[in-house]
Amino acid sequence: MSFFRKHWPWLFFALVVLLFFAKYLDGQHIFAYKDLSRYFYPLRQLMVEQAWAGHWPLWNPYIFCGFPLLATLQSCVFYPVSVIYYLLPFNLAFNYYLIAHYFLAACFMYLLLRHYQLQKMPSVFGALSWTFSGYLLSVSNMNTTLSSVIWLPLVLMVFDKGLARPGYYLPPLSLLLGIMFLGGEPTIYYITAWILLAYALVFASNKINAVLYLFLGYLFSLGLVAIQLLPFLELSRLSDRVVRTTWEIVSFRSFPPRETLTFLLPYLFGNPTLPGNYSEALLGQQLQDWLNSAYLGLVTVVCAFAANWKDKKIVFFWSLAGTGLIMAFGEYTPIYKLLYTFVPGLGLIRFPVKYLFMTTMAVSVLAAFGFQGLLEERRRDSLLAWIFGLLVSISFLITLIFWLNLQAIYNYLVQQYPQTIPIEFFNNLANILQFDLLTMIYATIFLFIFWVLFLLFSKKKLKTAWFAVSLILLALADLVANGASIPVGCSRQVYEQRPDFYRLMQKDKQLYRFYYTHQLDMENRYLFGETFEQGLIEAKTNLAANWPMIFRLYNFMGYDSIRPLPLAQFDINVLTDDKLPRTHKYLSLFNVKYFAATKPLHLQGFRLISHKYQYGLPLYYYENRQVMPRAYFLNEKLAPDRRIGQAEIVLYDYDRVSLKCRTKKASLLFLSDAYYPGWQATVDGKAEHIIRANDLFRAVAIPAGNHQVEFAYQPASFRWGMIISLLSAVALLVIHFKTR
């Protein structure tokens, strides 16, 4: 019994999280919303496969004609929680990786609040407000953000402790910051530095020591993660991210100010996860589709405002909440443009809506403080009861007015849109308004229950413990009811189902790549189907990147947050749909054998294999009969010439390619795999310089005769990163033992 009394919060967090994600526990249903299915699932699956095969997961041969795997960050190779992938069957591991983060999120926030001397009940309340907030549930589909942001409360706790003993807490601070970085979202890591700096300037008695403590914490954390950081910096320098820093790109997906209403009324403008309840066409230009919900919770917000505003910490966290909101507004406020111009590093961060993590985290902390204030004797006053009663009355009046004028509101909104919009969009509008009415009714009911509980408590007709439990359950019911639709999954059969065209390509035992028109690539950004699962299957059938990776098919391009700059520019400048009749020869030269398009193509050497028409989208599959092999010889004019000799690939592994060559004269051996630093070549065991061919691929000089050629990916950035990481770890261990 004493064990339960002492540890019940942890058990409660585990129970609530497991119940919330119950349908994902057996692996028959797999998380699949947005990037989870087309990006994270194939990426992590490949990482695990390479690790079990005895390889460092450094290279991904299946996209962009070969692309770094470790360096992208999103693979989370060295992130500690990734150990789950090696302990369970992959489908289970993919689910439990996400689920574990919500348990950790609750635990870390609870620890922070307990550090702030809050009682158990308020700490549990704040932890649940954070864990089941709209923001945190929404980033389940962007799990690098999730796996970085959950560490913020723990980082803040350790940093706060270290203000008094910086030497002692430097190693754990560095370690936690390193883990946050390895979670895969540099934005969180970067903004956390500014949060901690502000915290130090406000709360540290010795501000110089505090800033030095913060600086060293980040310095050592960068050293710890150098094994991941150096390859990432190398990739960033060679990617299209370096040219995508214009204001238009950086400010894309700003948080429209009108959506602040969704802090209290979730899905006021529609729920993207529910069919027929959301339409981008109805929202105009003020749209962000990165965050499904910004909901904070009614009880959470009420308790946050009940916090003691005279407390220095309360002022700080309200300031943090406001700062996060202003930055999330992005292009809708001139302040962010100034920050973009003058704050180093901000121009590299896309999607300002991300900054709402500051607001959500701060409001959760404030709610816990307010909750504790309500429990204390001095806060049981009639003024609060009147204020809460007024809130209920206002909510009731707004709901009543909205209900009585629902048809008039619908008619008014309909008149604001062109009448040429298809009728289904107006049906969506009607669904959204009906949903909004229900939301208002439920909000009024929740506020009324809260008011009644507080009245009973203030009049001492409800014990403190029962009031606290009732409030926690009320807040949890509110958050869970509004967040249940956010995690979206599909049956495991959707992942395993193999489209007919995939089967056809897999029967071809040659090495080849596939590609598709730009129009098809644009269409594949959306799902078309009667159900979500049918939409996923259709996207897979239409070769949406990176679905084919699951079946180990090689894509000429691919999908990633950063792309190789030379190939991306070549694709945009040379292979656009209107230029294909003149430039499709490059597809043959670069080993593209299968091709898909939304319109009939009449290209020399292309044979139509099959045609389908589904959900308004025609699709044509072609075989390129003039395709060149992946490796061949070039003549003096740098043109393919089969007469010079033959090149046979005898091994094509993740990070190694072996060839047997026979050539009549000294020539260049061309391999249509991406040119990238770290690749090394040997000819008969002797190192040979790799030549950059066509600005995109690899070539080596081969003398006449029979030869064994090998390409191996052995990046210096990885080796040096490993050395720096080990040295940093040793240094932190020395500091730890000297400061005990």
Foldseek 3Di string as FASTA:
>chain_A
DVVCVVPVLLVVLVVVLCVLCVVQQVLQWAFPPACLPFPLLLLLVQCQVQVVVVHRQFKFCFFQLIDGNLQQLSNLNPQVLSVLCVVDPNSNSNVVSLSVLLSLLLVLQLVLLVLVVFDNLLSNLLSLLLSLFLQLLQCSSVQLLSQQLSLLSNLVSLLVVCLVPLLQSLLVNLVSLLSSSSSRDVVSSVVSLVLQLVVLVQPRPPSVVSNVSSVSSPVLNCLQQLLRPLSNVQQCVQWCLVVQLDLVFQLPQFQAPVLVVLLQQPQLQFQPLDPLQHDPQLVPPNDHDSRRGRHSFPLLQLLLVLADPVDSLNVSLVVQLVVLNVQSNRPVDVVVVVCSVPPPPSSSHHNSVSSNSSNNSSSSSSSSNSLSLLLDLVNLDVVSLVVLVVVLVVLVVVLVVCVVCVVVVLVVSVVVDPPVPDPSVSSNVNNSSVSSSVSSVVSSVLSVVLSVLSVCVSVVVADSVRSSVVSSVSRSCRSSVSSSSSRDIRGVVLLVDDDPVNVVVVVPPAAAAAEEAPVLQVVLSDFFDPDPSNSSSVSVNSVHHPSCSSVPHHYSHHDGPIGRVVSVCCCVPQVHPVNCQPRVVVNQVLRHFKYKYQDDDDHPQWDWDDWDADRNTIMTMITRRSHDGQKAWADPVRHGDPVQWDKDWPDDDRFKTKIKIAGQAKTKMWGSRFDRAQKWKDKQRHTFDWDQPPVTTTITIDGHGIIMMMIGRGHPSSVVSVVSSVVSVVVSVVSNVVSD
